[in-house]
């Protein structure tokens, strides 16, 4: 049986960290409509300065696919996120290492 990380070998990953879960859903929807991508599990972070942020929760949207598709997905997702609560950071990794692939599976969304 093939492990899950091997299923994405050679695929780029786009990481978009935004303010709030609603913004993450809107960005993910726009990105998936713009490029032939799939989503990895979202991740969340509540930083120490959460009360001073526009929304006290940071959520990372993770797109997977060919580099060109991930670029299009990120472009659309960033546009939507900027029009809503905003972007913390974004980055595209063209060919993640095996160790990075493992880290992409980590999510605190199902934890308190």
PDB file of N, CA and C in Angstrom:
ATOM      1  N   UNK A   1       0.839  -1.185   0.000  1.00  0.00           N
ATOM      2  CA  UNK A   1       0.000   0.000   0.000  1.00  0.00           C
ATOM      3  C   UNK A   1       0.881   1.245   0.000  1.00  0.00           C
ATOM      4  N   UNK A   2       0.552   2.179  -0.851  1.00  0.00           N
ATOM      5  CA  UNK A   2       1.319   3.412  -1.001  1.00  0.00           C
ATOM      6  C   UNK A   2       0.987   4.369   0.138  1.00  0.00           C
ATOM      7  N   UNK A   3       2.017   5.036   0.703  1.00  0.00           N
ATOM      8  CA  UNK A   3       1.702   5.982   1.767  1.00  0.00           C
ATOM      9  C   UNK A   3       1.154   7.269   1.178  1.00  0.00           C
ATOM     10  N   UNK A   4       0.451   8.044   2.002  1.00  0.00           N
ATOM     11  CA  UNK A   4      -0.253   9.238   1.537  1.00  0.00           C
ATOM     12  C   UNK A   4       0.695  10.298   0.993  1.00  0.00           C
ATOM     13  N   UNK A   5       1.862  10.464   1.615  1.00  0.00           N
ATOM     14  CA  UNK A   5       2.821  11.463   1.146  1.00  0.00           C
ATOM     15  C   UNK A   5       3.291  11.140  -0.266  1.00  0.00           C
ATOM     16  N   UNK A   6       3.443   9.858  -0.581  1.00  0.00           N
ATOM     17  CA  UNK A   6       3.890   9.458  -1.910  1.00  0.00           C
ATOM     18  C   UNK A   6       2.866   9.816  -2.978  1.00  0.00           C
ATOM     19  N   UNK A   7       1.604   9.925  -2.618  1.00  0.00           N
ATOM     20  CA  UNK A   7       0.561  10.279  -3.581  1.00  0.00           C
ATOM     21  C   UNK A   7       0.757  11.667  -4.155  1.00  0.00           C
ATOM     22  N   UNK A   8       1.471  12.517  -3.476  1.00  0.00           N
ATOM     23  CA  UNK A   8       1.657  13.898  -3.922  1.00  0.00           C
ATOM     24  C   UNK A   8       3.065  14.159  -4.443  1.00  0.00           C
ATOM     25  N   UNK A   9       3.858  13.106  -4.659  1.00  0.00           N
ATOM     26  CA  UNK A   9       5.216  13.285  -5.124  1.00  0.00           C
ATOM     27  C   UNK A   9       5.226  14.095  -6.416  1.00  0.00           C
ATOM     28  N   UNK A  10       6.040  15.134  -6.425  1.00  0.00           N
ATOM     29  CA  UNK A  10       6.156  15.970  -7.613  1.00  0.00           C
ATOM     30  C   UNK A  10       5.127  17.079  -7.695  1.00  0.00           C
ATOM     31  N   UNK A  11       4.190  17.116  -6.767  1.00  0.00           N
ATOM     32  CA  UNK A  11       3.188  18.175  -6.767  1.00  0.00           C
ATOM     33  C   UNK A  11       3.644  19.355  -5.920  1.00  0.00           C
ATOM     34  N   UNK A  12       3.327  20.521  -6.400  1.00  0.00           N
ATOM     35  CA  UNK A  12       3.616  21.732  -5.641  1.00  0.00           C
ATOM     36  C   UNK A  12       2.597  21.879  -4.517  1.00  0.00           C
ATOM     37  N   UNK A  13       2.947  22.701  -3.544  1.00  0.00           N
ATOM     38  CA  UNK A  13       2.001  23.044  -2.484  1.00  0.00           C
ATOM     39  C   UNK A  13       1.983  24.565  -2.345  1.00  0.00           C
ATOM     40  N   UNK A  14       0.790  25.100  -2.234  1.00  0.00           N
ATOM     41  CA  UNK A  14       0.619  26.519  -1.976  1.00  0.00           C
ATOM     42  C   UNK A  14       0.083  26.685  -0.571  1.00  0.00           C
ATOM     43  N   UNK A  15       0.719  27.527   0.218  1.00  0.00           N
ATOM     44  CA  UNK A  15       0.325  27.766   1.601  1.00  0.00           C
ATOM     45  C   UNK A  15      -0.164  29.201   1.725  1.00  0.00           C
ATOM     46  N   UNK A  16      -1.374  29.356   2.192  1.00  0.00           N
ATOM     47  CA  UNK A  16      -1.959  30.680   2.354  1.00  0.00           C
ATOM     48  C   UNK A  16      -2.517  30.788   3.766  1.00  0.00           C
ATOM     49  N   UNK A  17      -1.911  31.641   4.572  1.00  0.00           N
ATOM     50  CA  UNK A  17      -2.376  31.846   5.938  1.00  0.00           C
ATOM     51  C   UNK A  17      -3.222  33.115   5.980  1.00  0.00           C
ATOM     52  N   UNK A  18      -4.447  32.964   6.491  1.00  0.00           N
ATOM     53  CA  UNK A  18      -5.414  34.070   6.507  1.00  0.00           C
ATOM     54  C   UNK A  18      -5.977  34.249   7.913  1.00  0.00           C
ATOM     55  N   UNK A  19      -6.684  35.369   8.094  1.00  0.00           N
ATOM     56  CA  UNK A  19      -7.338  35.645   9.367  1.00  0.00           C
ATOM     57  C   UNK A  19      -8.735  35.037   9.352  1.00  0.00           C
ATOM     58  N   UNK A  20      -8.958  33.979  10.126  1.00  0.00           N
ATOM     59  CA  UNK A  20     -10.289  33.421  10.335  1.00  0.00           C
ATOM     60  C   UNK A  20     -10.664  32.257   9.436  1.00  0.00           C
ATOM     61  N   UNK A  21     -11.542  31.432   9.956  1.00  0.00           N
ATOM     62  CA  UNK A  21     -11.984  30.228   9.254  1.00  0.00           C
ATOM     63  C   UNK A  21     -12.884  30.549   8.068  1.00  0.00           C
ATOM     64  N   UNK A  22     -13.752  31.533   8.203  1.00  0.00           N
ATOM     65  CA  UNK A  22     -14.635  31.896   7.084  1.00  0.00           C
ATOM     66  C   UNK A  22     -13.796  32.365   5.905  1.00  0.00           C
ATOM     67  N   UNK A  23     -12.824  33.206   6.164  1.00  0.00           N
ATOM     68  CA  UNK A  23     -11.936  33.672   5.096  1.00  0.00           C
ATOM     69  C   UNK A  23     -11.203  32.495   4.453  1.00  0.00           C
ATOM     70  N   UNK A  24     -10.782  31.525   5.257  1.00  0.00           N
ATOM     71  CA  UNK A  24     -10.100  30.341   4.734  1.00  0.00           C
ATOM     72  C   UNK A  24     -11.010  29.559   3.797  1.00  0.00           C
ATOM     73  N   UNK A  25     -12.271  29.387   4.177  1.00  0.00           N
ATOM     74  CA  UNK A  25     -13.211  28.673   3.311  1.00  0.00           C
ATOM     75  C   UNK A  25     -13.439  29.419   2.003  1.00  0.00           C
ATOM     76  N   UNK A  26     -13.601  30.728   2.084  1.00  0.00           N
ATOM     77  CA  UNK A  26     -13.808  31.537   0.880  1.00  0.00           C
ATOM     78  C   UNK A  26     -12.588  31.473  -0.039  1.00  0.00           C
ATOM     79  N   UNK A  27     -11.402  31.576   0.547  1.00  0.00           N
ATOM     80  CA  UNK A  27     -10.170  31.512  -0.240  1.00  0.00           C
ATOM     81  C   UNK A  27      -9.993  30.129  -0.866  1.00  0.00           C
ATOM     82  N   UNK A  28     -10.257  29.084  -0.098  1.00  0.00           N
ATOM     83  CA  UNK A  28     -10.129  27.717  -0.607  1.00  0.00           C
ATOM     84  C   UNK A  28     -11.089  27.482  -1.768  1.00  0.00           C
ATOM     85  N   UNK A  29     -12.309  27.962  -1.637  1.00  0.00           N
ATOM     86  CA  UNK A  29     -13.303  27.801  -2.695  1.00  0.00           C
ATOM     87  C   UNK A  29     -12.851  28.508  -3.974  1.00  0.00           C
ATOM     88  N   UNK A  30     -12.397  29.748  -3.835  1.00  0.00           N
ATOM     89  CA  UNK A  30     -11.933  30.507  -5.001  1.00  0.00           C
ATOM     90  C   UNK A  30     -10.730  29.835  -5.649  1.00  0.00           C
ATOM     91  N   UNK A  31      -9.798  29.357  -4.827  1.00  0.00           N
ATOM     92  CA  UNK A  31      -8.609  28.702  -5.352  1.00  0.00           C
ATOM     93  C   UNK A  31      -8.919  27.422  -6.103  1.00  0.00           C
ATOM     94  N   UNK A  32      -9.815  26.626  -5.554  1.00  0.00           N
ATOM     95  CA  UNK A  32     -10.177  25.362  -6.202  1.00  0.00           C
ATOM     96  C   UNK A  32     -10.923  25.587  -7.520  1.00  0.00           C
ATOM     97  N   UNK A  33     -11.631  26.684  -7.607  1.00  0.00           N
ATOM     98  CA  UNK A  33     -12.336  27.013  -8.853  1.00  0.00           C
ATOM     99  C   UNK A  33     -11.380  27.574  -9.911  1.00  0.00           C
ATOM    100  N   UNK A  34     -10.272  28.167  -9.475  1.00  0.00           N
ATOM    101  CA  UNK A  34      -9.347  28.823 -10.396  1.00  0.00           C
ATOM    102  C   UNK A  34      -8.296  27.884 -10.978  1.00  0.00           C
ATOM    103  N   UNK A  35      -7.937  26.858 -10.247  1.00  0.00           N
ATOM    104  CA  UNK A  35      -6.885  25.943 -10.703  1.00  0.00           C
ATOM    105  C   UNK A  35      -7.265  24.508 -10.427  1.00  0.00           C
ATOM    106  N   UNK A  36      -6.660  23.599 -11.157  1.00  0.00           N
ATOM    107  CA  UNK A  36      -6.909  22.175 -10.966  1.00  0.00           C
ATOM    108  C   UNK A  36      -6.078  21.700  -9.776  1.00  0.00           C
ATOM    109  N   UNK A  37      -6.595  21.986  -8.570  1.00  0.00           N
ATOM    110  CA  UNK A  37      -5.879  21.688  -7.331  1.00  0.00           C
ATOM    111  C   UNK A  37      -6.772  20.897  -6.383  1.00  0.00           C
ATOM    112  N   UNK A  38      -6.123  20.299  -5.403  1.00  0.00           N
ATOM    113  CA  UNK A  38      -6.843  19.678  -4.295  1.00  0.00           C
ATOM    114  C   UNK A  38      -6.409  20.397  -3.020  1.00  0.00           C
ATOM    115  N   UNK A  39      -7.156  20.174  -1.961  1.00  0.00           N
ATOM    116  CA  UNK A  39      -6.843  20.786  -0.674  1.00  0.00           C
ATOM    117  C   UNK A  39      -6.253  19.766   0.276  1.00  0.00           C
ATOM    118  N   UNK A  40      -5.238  20.181   1.007  1.00  0.00           N
ATOM    119  CA  UNK A  40      -4.748  19.430   2.152  1.00  0.00           C
ATOM    120  C   UNK A  40      -5.586  19.896   3.336  1.00  0.00           C
ATOM    121  N   UNK A  41      -5.454  19.217   4.441  1.00  0.00           N
ATOM    122  CA  UNK A  41      -6.177  19.603   5.649  1.00  0.00           C
ATOM    123  C   UNK A  41      -5.750  21.006   6.084  1.00  0.00           C
ATOM    124  N   UNK A  42      -6.702  21.842   6.478  1.00  0.00           N
ATOM    125  CA  UNK A  42      -6.410  23.184   6.992  1.00  0.00           C
ATOM    126  C   UNK A  42      -5.662  23.052   8.317  1.00  0.00           C
ATOM    127  N   UNK A  43      -4.980  24.106   8.697  1.00  0.00           N
ATOM    128  CA  UNK A  43      -4.348  24.163  10.009  1.00  0.00           C
ATOM    129  C   UNK A  43      -4.719  25.487  10.652  1.00  0.00           C
ATOM    130  N   UNK A  44      -4.633  25.544  11.976  1.00  0.00           N
ATOM    131  CA  UNK A  44      -4.981  26.777  12.685  1.00  0.00           C
ATOM    132  C   UNK A  44      -3.884  27.143  13.665  1.00  0.00           C
ATOM    133  N   UNK A  45      -3.891  28.409  14.021  1.00  0.00           N
ATOM    134  CA  UNK A  45      -2.942  28.915  14.990  1.00  0.00           C
ATOM    135  C   UNK A  45      -3.598  30.093  15.695  1.00  0.00           C
ATOM    136  N   UNK A  46      -3.528  30.113  17.006  1.00  0.00           N
ATOM    137  CA  UNK A  46      -4.008  31.260  17.776  1.00  0.00           C
ATOM    138  C   UNK A  46      -2.786  31.859  18.449  1.00  0.00           C
ATOM    139  N   UNK A  47      -2.221  32.901  17.845  1.00  0.00           N
ATOM    140  CA  UNK A  47      -0.992  33.478  18.394  1.00  0.00           C
ATOM    141  C   UNK A  47      -1.215  34.217  19.707  1.00  0.00           C
ATOM    142  N   UNK A  48      -0.132  34.496  20.384  1.00  0.00           N
ATOM    143  CA  UNK A  48      -0.201  35.180  21.683  1.00  0.00           C
ATOM    144  C   UNK A  48      -0.857  36.549  21.575  1.00  0.00           C
ATOM    145  N   UNK A  49      -0.693  37.220  20.444  1.00  0.00           N
ATOM    146  CA  UNK A  49      -1.283  38.552  20.259  1.00  0.00           C
ATOM    147  C   UNK A  49      -2.649  38.491  19.579  1.00  0.00           C
ATOM    148  N   UNK A  50      -3.354  37.393  19.726  1.00  0.00           N
ATOM    149  CA  UNK A  50      -4.624  37.163  19.022  1.00  0.00           C
ATOM    150  C   UNK A  50      -5.630  38.293  19.213  1.00  0.00           C
ATOM    151  N   UNK A  51      -5.686  38.872  20.398  1.00  0.00           N
ATOM    152  CA  UNK A  51      -6.664  39.930  20.660  1.00  0.00           C
ATOM    153  C   UNK A  51      -6.399  41.198  19.856  1.00  0.00           C
ATOM    154  N   UNK A  52      -5.188  41.373  19.370  1.00  0.00           N
ATOM    155  CA  UNK A  52      -4.872  42.571  18.585  1.00  0.00           C
ATOM    156  C   UNK A  52      -5.034  42.351  17.085  1.00  0.00           C
ATOM    157  N   UNK A  53      -5.415  41.145  16.674  1.00  0.00           N
ATOM    158  CA  UNK A  53      -5.570  40.817  15.256  1.00  0.00           C
ATOM    159  C   UNK A  53      -6.985  41.103  14.770  1.00  0.00           C
ATOM    160  N   UNK A  54      -7.174  41.256  13.458  1.00  0.00           N
ATOM    161  CA  UNK A  54      -8.526  41.478  12.918  1.00  0.00           C
ATOM    162  C   UNK A  54      -9.495  40.348  13.283  1.00  0.00           C
ATOM    163  N   UNK A  55      -8.997  39.127  13.295  1.00  0.00           N
ATOM    164  CA  UNK A  55      -9.729  37.934  13.728  1.00  0.00           C
ATOM    165  C   UNK A  55      -8.727  37.138  14.555  1.00  0.00           C
ATOM    166  N   UNK A  56      -9.107  36.651  15.747  1.00  0.00           N
ATOM    167  CA  UNK A  56      -8.118  36.045  16.651  1.00  0.00           C
ATOM    168  C   UNK A  56      -7.665  34.627  16.293  1.00  0.00           C
ATOM    169  N   UNK A  57      -7.919  34.192  15.063  1.00  0.00           N
ATOM    170  CA  UNK A  57      -7.522  32.850  14.647  1.00  0.00           C
ATOM    171  C   UNK A  57      -6.882  32.933  13.270  1.00  0.00           C
ATOM    172  N   UNK A  58      -5.714  32.326  13.129  1.00  0.00           N
ATOM    173  CA  UNK A  58      -5.058  32.235  11.830  1.00  0.00           C
ATOM    174  C   UNK A  58      -5.292  30.843  11.276  1.00  0.00           C
ATOM    175  N   UNK A  59      -5.650  30.752  10.008  1.00  0.00           N
ATOM    176  CA  UNK A  59      -5.911  29.468   9.364  1.00  0.00           C
ATOM    177  C   UNK A  59      -5.061  29.379   8.105  1.00  0.00           C
ATOM    178  N   UNK A  60      -4.421  28.219   7.908  1.00  0.00           N
ATOM    179  CA  UNK A  60      -3.604  27.984   6.720  1.00  0.00           C
ATOM    180  C   UNK A  60      -4.347  27.067   5.761  1.00  0.00           C
ATOM    181  N   UNK A  61      -4.517  27.564   4.538  1.00  0.00           N
ATOM    182  CA  UNK A  61      -5.114  26.796   3.442  1.00  0.00           C
ATOM    183  C   UNK A  61      -3.949  26.217   2.651  1.00  0.00           C
ATOM    184  N   UNK A  62      -4.047  24.931   2.281  1.00  0.00           N
ATOM    185  CA  UNK A  62      -2.954  24.257   1.573  1.00  0.00           C
ATOM    186  C   UNK A  62      -3.488  23.678   0.261  1.00  0.00           C
ATOM    187  N   UNK A  63      -3.027  24.224  -0.858  1.00  0.00           N
ATOM    188  CA  UNK A  63      -3.407  23.744  -2.191  1.00  0.00           C
ATOM    189  C   UNK A  63      -2.336  22.807  -2.721  1.00  0.00           C
ATOM    190  N   UNK A  64      -2.748  21.754  -3.450  1.00  0.00           N
ATOM    191  CA  UNK A  64      -1.812  20.813  -4.073  1.00  0.00           C
ATOM    192  C   UNK A  64      -2.129  20.662  -5.543  1.00  0.00           C
ATOM    193  N   UNK A  65      -1.084  20.548  -6.346  1.00  0.00           N
ATOM    194  CA  UNK A  65      -1.254  20.333  -7.777  1.00  0.00           C
ATOM    195  C   UNK A  65      -0.001  20.722  -8.538  1.00  0.00           C
ATOM    196  N   UNK A  66      -0.135  20.853  -9.856  1.00  0.00           N
ATOM    197  CA  UNK A  66       0.980  21.317 -10.676  1.00  0.00           C
ATOM    198  C   UNK A  66       1.295  22.758 -10.305  1.00  0.00           C
ATOM    199  N   UNK A  67       2.534  23.163 -10.482  1.00  0.00           N
ATOM    200  CA  UNK A  67       2.952  24.513 -10.089  1.00  0.00           C
ATOM    201  C   UNK A  67       2.046  25.566 -10.723  1.00  0.00           C
ATOM    202  N   UNK A  68       1.755  25.442 -12.006  1.00  0.00           N
ATOM    203  CA  UNK A  68       0.926  26.445 -12.691  1.00  0.00           C
ATOM    204  C   UNK A  68      -0.486  26.503 -12.103  1.00  0.00           C
ATOM    205  N   UNK A  69      -1.046  25.363 -11.765  1.00  0.00           N
ATOM    206  CA  UNK A  69      -2.382  25.339 -11.163  1.00  0.00           C
ATOM    207  C   UNK A  69      -2.363  25.914  -9.753  1.00  0.00           C
ATOM    208  N   UNK A  70      -1.331  25.598  -8.999  1.00  0.00           N
ATOM    209  CA  UNK A  70      -1.216  26.135  -7.636  1.00  0.00           C
ATOM    210  C   UNK A  70      -1.061  27.652  -7.695  1.00  0.00           C
ATOM    211  N   UNK A  71      -0.298  28.145  -8.661  1.00  0.00           N
ATOM    212  CA  UNK A  71      -0.152  29.610  -8.808  1.00  0.00           C
ATOM    213  C   UNK A  71      -1.505  30.271  -9.074  1.00  0.00           C
ATOM    214  N   UNK A  72      -2.283  29.685  -9.961  1.00  0.00           N
ATOM    215  CA  UNK A  72      -3.604  30.250 -10.275  1.00  0.00           C
ATOM    216  C   UNK A  72      -4.524  30.174  -9.058  1.00  0.00           C
ATOM    217  N   UNK A  73      -4.484  29.053  -8.353  1.00  0.00           N
ATOM    218  CA  UNK A  73      -5.305  28.895  -7.148  1.00  0.00           C
ATOM    219  C   UNK A  73      -4.913  29.926  -6.097  1.00  0.00           C
ATOM    220  N   UNK A  74      -3.622  30.107  -5.896  1.00  0.00           N
ATOM    221  CA  UNK A  74      -3.141  31.070  -4.905  1.00  0.00           C
ATOM    222  C   UNK A  74      -3.531  32.491  -5.293  1.00  0.00           C
ATOM    223  N   UNK A  75      -3.411  32.821  -6.568  1.00  0.00           N
ATOM    224  CA  UNK A  75      -3.772  34.163  -7.033  1.00  0.00           C
ATOM    225  C   UNK A  75      -5.232  34.454  -6.704  1.00  0.00           C
ATOM    226  N   UNK A  76      -6.127  33.524  -7.036  1.00  0.00           N
ATOM    227  CA  UNK A  76      -7.554  33.716  -6.772  1.00  0.00           C
ATOM    228  C   UNK A  76      -7.847  33.739  -5.276  1.00  0.00           C
ATOM    229  N   UNK A  77      -7.213  32.851  -4.531  1.00  0.00           N
ATOM    230  CA  UNK A  77      -7.443  32.772  -3.087  1.00  0.00           C
ATOM    231  C   UNK A  77      -6.954  34.040  -2.391  1.00  0.00           C
ATOM    232  N   UNK A  78      -5.805  34.544  -2.807  1.00  0.00           N
ATOM    233  CA  UNK A  78      -5.268  35.771  -2.213  1.00  0.00           C
ATOM    234  C   UNK A  78      -6.179  36.960  -2.482  1.00  0.00           C
ATOM    235  N   UNK A  79      -6.716  37.028  -3.676  1.00  0.00           N
ATOM    236  CA  UNK A  79      -7.629  38.124  -4.030  1.00  0.00           C
ATOM    237  C   UNK A  79      -8.854  38.120  -3.115  1.00  0.00           C
ATOM    238  N   UNK A  80      -9.429  36.949  -2.906  1.00  0.00           N
ATOM    239  CA  UNK A  80     -10.600  36.822  -2.040  1.00  0.00           C
ATOM    240  C   UNK A  80     -10.240  37.129  -0.589  1.00  0.00           C
ATOM    241  N   UNK A  81      -9.110  36.606  -0.133  1.00  0.00           N
ATOM    242  CA  UNK A  81      -8.697  36.832   1.260  1.00  0.00           C
ATOM    243  C   UNK A  81      -8.447  38.314   1.525  1.00  0.00           C
ATOM    244  N   UNK A  82      -7.808  39.005   0.585  1.00  0.00           N
ATOM    245  CA  UNK A  82      -7.545  40.441   0.753  1.00  0.00           C
ATOM    246  C   UNK A  82      -8.848  41.231   0.839  1.00  0.00           C
ATOM    247  N   UNK A  83      -9.874  40.778   0.118  1.00  0.00           N
ATOM    248  CA  UNK A  83     -11.172  41.459   0.126  1.00  0.00           C
ATOM    249  C   UNK A  83     -11.968  41.161   1.393  1.00  0.00           C
ATOM    250  N   UNK A  84     -11.522  40.201   2.171  1.00  0.00           N
ATOM    251  CA  UNK A  84     -12.213  39.833   3.409  1.00  0.00           C
ATOM    252  C   UNK A  84     -11.372  40.252   4.612  1.00  0.00           C
ATOM    253  N   UNK A  85     -10.897  39.307   5.394  1.00  0.00           N
ATOM    254  CA  UNK A  85     -10.168  39.664   6.620  1.00  0.00           C
ATOM    255  C   UNK A  85      -8.676  39.831   6.422  1.00  0.00           C
ATOM    256  N   UNK A  86      -8.129  39.360   5.305  1.00  0.00           N
ATOM    257  CA  UNK A  86      -6.726  39.608   4.999  1.00  0.00           C
ATOM    258  C   UNK A  86      -5.819  38.392   5.044  1.00  0.00           C
ATOM    259  N   UNK A  87      -4.594  38.624   4.589  1.00  0.00           N
ATOM    260  CA  UNK A  87      -3.570  37.586   4.469  1.00  0.00           C
ATOM    261  C   UNK A  87      -2.469  37.833   5.493  1.00  0.00           C
ATOM    262  N   UNK A  88      -2.029  36.762   6.123  1.00  0.00           N
ATOM    263  CA  UNK A  88      -0.877  36.833   7.014  1.00  0.00           C
ATOM    264  C   UNK A  88       0.383  36.599   6.177  1.00  0.00           C
ATOM    265  N   UNK A  89       0.407  35.503   5.413  1.00  0.00           N
ATOM    266  CA  UNK A  89       1.528  35.214   4.517  1.00  0.00           C
ATOM    267  C   UNK A  89       1.112  34.171   3.488  1.00  0.00           C
ATOM    268  N   UNK A  90       1.899  34.051   2.431  1.00  0.00           N
ATOM    269  CA  UNK A  90       1.640  33.035   1.412  1.00  0.00           C
ATOM    270  C   UNK A  90       2.962  32.598   0.805  1.00  0.00           C
ATOM    271  N   UNK A  91       2.982  31.351   0.357  1.00  0.00           N
ATOM    272  CA  UNK A  91       4.194  30.818  -0.256  1.00  0.00           C
ATOM    273  C   UNK A  91       3.843  29.588  -1.077  1.00  0.00           C
ATOM    274  N   UNK A  92       4.598  29.381  -2.158  1.00  0.00           N
ATOM    275  CA  UNK A  92       4.460  28.173  -2.975  1.00  0.00           C
ATOM    276  C   UNK A  92       5.762  27.393  -2.884  1.00  0.00           C
ATOM    277  N   UNK A  93       5.645  26.097  -2.599  1.00  0.00           N
ATOM    278  CA  UNK A  93       6.799  25.203  -2.591  1.00  0.00           C
ATOM    279  C   UNK A  93       6.650  24.300  -3.816  1.00  0.00           C
ATOM    280  N   UNK A  94       7.495  24.456  -4.830  1.00  0.00           N
ATOM    281  CA  UNK A  94       7.334  23.704  -6.081  1.00  0.00           C
ATOM    282  C   UNK A  94       7.443  22.183  -5.919  1.00  0.00           C
ATOM    283  N   UNK A  95       8.342  21.706  -5.084  1.00  0.00           N
ATOM    284  CA  UNK A  95       8.524  20.262  -4.928  1.00  0.00           C
ATOM    285  C   UNK A  95       8.960  19.977  -3.489  1.00  0.00           C
ATOM    286  N   UNK A  96       7.985  19.858  -2.573  1.00  0.00           N
ATOM    287  CA  UNK A  96       8.327  19.664  -1.151  1.00  0.00           C
ATOM    288  C   UNK A  96       9.126  18.387  -0.900  1.00  0.00           C
ATOM    289  N   UNK A  97      10.016  18.449   0.081  1.00  0.00           N
ATOM    290  CA  UNK A  97      10.776  17.272   0.477  1.00  0.00           C
ATOM    291  C   UNK A  97       9.852  16.290   1.198  1.00  0.00           C
ATOM    292  N   UNK A  98      10.338  15.100   1.399  1.00  0.00           N
ATOM    293  CA  UNK A  98       9.562  14.072   2.110  1.00  0.00           C
ATOM    294  C   UNK A  98       9.209  14.526   3.527  1.00  0.00           C
ATOM    295  N   UNK A  99      10.154  15.167   4.201  1.00  0.00           N
ATOM    296  CA  UNK A  99       9.895  15.659   5.554  1.00  0.00           C
ATOM    297  C   UNK A  99       8.846  16.767   5.557  1.00  0.00           C
ATOM    298  N   UNK A 100       8.897  17.642   4.558  1.00  0.00           N
ATOM    299  CA  UNK A 100       7.885  18.689   4.446  1.00  0.00           C
ATOM    300  C   UNK A 100       6.521  18.068   4.188  1.00  0.00           C
ATOM    301  N   UNK A 101       6.486  17.027   3.372  1.00  0.00           N
ATOM    302  CA  UNK A 101       5.222  16.325   3.094  1.00  0.00           C
ATOM    303  C   UNK A 101       4.588  15.831   4.400  1.00  0.00           C
ATOM    304  N   UNK A 102       5.404  15.305   5.292  1.00  0.00           N
ATOM    305  CA  UNK A 102       4.891  14.831   6.586  1.00  0.00           C
ATOM    306  C   UNK A 102       4.304  15.982   7.388  1.00  0.00           C
ATOM    307  N   UNK A 103       4.979  17.116   7.376  1.00  0.00           N
ATOM    308  CA  UNK A 103       4.521  18.279   8.140  1.00  0.00           C
ATOM    309  C   UNK A 103       3.200  18.831   7.591  1.00  0.00           C
ATOM    310  N   UNK A 104       2.967  18.673   6.295  1.00  0.00           N
ATOM    311  CA  UNK A 104       1.735  19.182   5.691  1.00  0.00           C
ATOM    312  C   UNK A 104       0.492  18.476   6.229  1.00  0.00           C
ATOM    313  N   UNK A 105       0.662  17.299   6.788  1.00  0.00           N
ATOM    314  CA  UNK A 105      -0.457  16.516   7.318  1.00  0.00           C
ATOM    315  C   UNK A 105      -0.837  16.935   8.735  1.00  0.00           C
ATOM    316  N   UNK A 106       0.001  17.736   9.387  1.00  0.00           N
ATOM    317  CA  UNK A 106      -0.260  18.158  10.751  1.00  0.00           C
ATOM    318  C   UNK A 106      -1.333  19.242  10.759  1.00  0.00           C
ATOM    319  N   UNK A 107      -2.279  19.096  11.670  1.00  0.00           N
ATOM    320  CA  UNK A 107      -3.328  20.102  11.802  1.00  0.00           C
ATOM    321  C   UNK A 107      -3.782  20.197  13.241  1.00  0.00           C
ATOM    322  N   UNK A 108      -3.945  21.404  13.708  1.00  0.00           N
ATOM    323  CA  UNK A 108      -4.479  21.632  15.056  1.00  0.00           C
ATOM    324  C   UNK A 108      -5.961  21.949  15.011  1.00  0.00           C
ATOM    325  N   UNK A 109      -6.564  21.856  13.843  1.00  0.00           N
ATOM    326  CA  UNK A 109      -7.978  22.226  13.702  1.00  0.00           C
ATOM    327  C   UNK A 109      -8.897  21.320  14.515  1.00  0.00           C
ATOM    328  N   UNK A 110      -8.506  20.076  14.708  1.00  0.00           N
ATOM    329  CA  UNK A 110      -9.352  19.150  15.466  1.00  0.00           C
ATOM    330  C   UNK A 110      -9.002  19.127  16.956  1.00  0.00           C
ATOM    331  N   UNK A 111      -8.149  20.052  17.379  1.00  0.00           N
ATOM    332  CA  UNK A 111      -7.759  20.129  18.787  1.00  0.00           C
ATOM    333  C   UNK A 111      -8.310  21.420  19.405  1.00  0.00           C
ATOM    334  N   UNK A 112      -8.484  21.420  20.701  1.00  0.00           N
ATOM    335  CA  UNK A 112      -8.986  22.615  21.394  1.00  0.00           C
ATOM    336  C   UNK A 112      -7.943  23.685  21.505  1.00  0.00           C
TER     337      UNK A 112
END
